[in-house]
Amino acid sequence: IECASFSLTICAERAAFSKAITEGELNFEAIAISSNQGKYVFPCGACRQFMIEFAEELTVILIKSEKEYKTFKIKELLPNNFSI
């Protein structure tokens, strides 16, 4: 069975957060996500969950080109996040 979930990889968003956290940064306001695909690239579900656990008010900026971008709150992208 094939699935778009990449359990053995780490996305750029989680890599960036992990690097910052290991260096002592715990206050996140925003993350900008861009690609060379000429379209908006949304963070995967695992990244959304990871980011919301460290920054419930995080602003996610998706960049399509130099003049085109969209802004979301992480809760808009993951409205019913998992929590224990």
Protein backbone atom coordinates (compact mmCIF):
# COMPACT_ATOMS: atom_id res chain seq x y z
CA ILE A 1 0.00 0.00 0.00
CA GLU A 2 1.40 3.38 -0.97
CA CYS A 3 0.78 6.49 1.08
CA ALA A 4 1.95 10.11 0.92
CA SER A 5 3.10 9.92 4.56
CA PHE A 6 6.88 9.99 4.74
CA SER A 7 7.51 8.46 8.15
CA LEU A 8 11.25 7.96 7.71
CA THR A 9 12.03 11.46 6.45
CA ILE A 10 12.07 14.91 8.00
CA CYS A 11 10.66 17.93 6.22
CA ALA A 12 12.33 21.35 6.13
CA GLU A 13 9.80 22.81 8.58
CA ARG A 14 10.54 20.22 11.28
CA ALA A 15 14.27 20.45 10.57
CA ALA A 16 14.19 24.24 11.04
CA PHE A 17 12.16 24.01 14.25
CA SER A 18 14.34 21.20 15.62
CA LYS A 19 17.55 23.13 14.92
CA ALA A 20 16.18 26.24 16.61
CA ILE A 21 14.90 24.30 19.63
CA THR A 22 18.21 22.48 20.15
CA GLU A 23 19.91 25.89 20.17
CA GLY A 24 17.55 27.18 22.88
CA GLU A 25 14.95 29.06 20.84
CA LEU A 26 11.44 28.42 22.12
CA ASN A 27 9.53 31.51 20.96
CA PHE A 28 8.29 31.23 17.39
CA GLU A 29 6.20 33.91 15.69
CA ALA A 30 6.24 32.90 12.03
CA ILE A 31 7.61 30.53 9.44
CA ALA A 32 7.90 31.23 5.71
CA ILE A 33 7.60 28.31 3.30
CA SER A 34 8.55 28.55 -0.35
CA SER A 35 9.60 26.25 -3.16
CA ASN A 36 10.80 26.39 -6.73
CA GLN A 37 7.61 24.71 -7.98
CA GLY A 38 5.74 27.93 -8.80
CA LYS A 39 2.86 27.04 -6.48
CA TYR A 40 1.93 27.24 -2.82
CA VAL A 41 3.41 24.35 -0.87
CA PHE A 42 1.58 23.62 2.38
CA PRO A 43 3.26 21.91 5.33
CA CYS A 44 2.41 18.24 5.77
CA GLY A 45 0.22 17.07 8.63
CA ALA A 46 3.18 15.92 10.73
CA CYS A 47 4.82 19.35 10.39
CA ARG A 48 1.57 21.11 11.27
CA GLN A 49 1.24 19.03 14.44
CA PHE A 50 4.90 19.53 15.35
CA MET A 51 4.75 23.30 14.86
CA ILE A 52 1.48 23.82 16.74
CA GLU A 53 2.92 22.03 19.78
CA PHE A 54 5.65 24.66 20.02
CA ALA A 55 3.75 27.72 18.75
CA GLU A 56 -0.05 27.75 18.99
CA GLU A 57 -0.20 31.30 17.56
CA LEU A 58 2.32 30.69 14.76
CA THR A 59 1.84 32.56 11.50
CA VAL A 60 2.54 30.43 8.42
CA ILE A 61 3.52 32.39 5.31
CA LEU A 62 3.30 30.47 2.05
CA ILE A 63 5.27 32.05 -0.78
CA LYS A 64 4.44 31.37 -4.43
CA SER A 65 6.57 34.12 -6.00
CA GLU A 66 8.16 37.44 -5.08
CA LYS A 67 4.75 39.12 -5.30
CA GLU A 68 2.38 36.30 -4.33
CA TYR A 69 1.99 34.94 -0.84
CA LYS A 70 -0.70 33.76 1.59
CA THR A 71 -0.74 34.00 5.36
CA PHE A 72 -2.44 31.60 7.75
CA LYS A 73 -2.48 30.94 11.46
CA ILE A 74 -1.33 27.41 12.26
CA LYS A 75 -4.73 26.71 13.86
CA GLU A 76 -6.36 27.41 10.49
CA LEU A 77 -4.19 24.72 8.91
CA LEU A 78 -4.74 22.26 11.77
CA PRO A 79 -8.01 23.22 13.48
CA ASN A 80 -8.39 20.11 15.63
CA ASN A 81 -4.83 19.27 16.54
CA PHE A 82 -3.98 16.23 18.63
CA SER A 83 -3.05 16.82 22.25
CA ILE A 84 -2.56 14.71 25.33
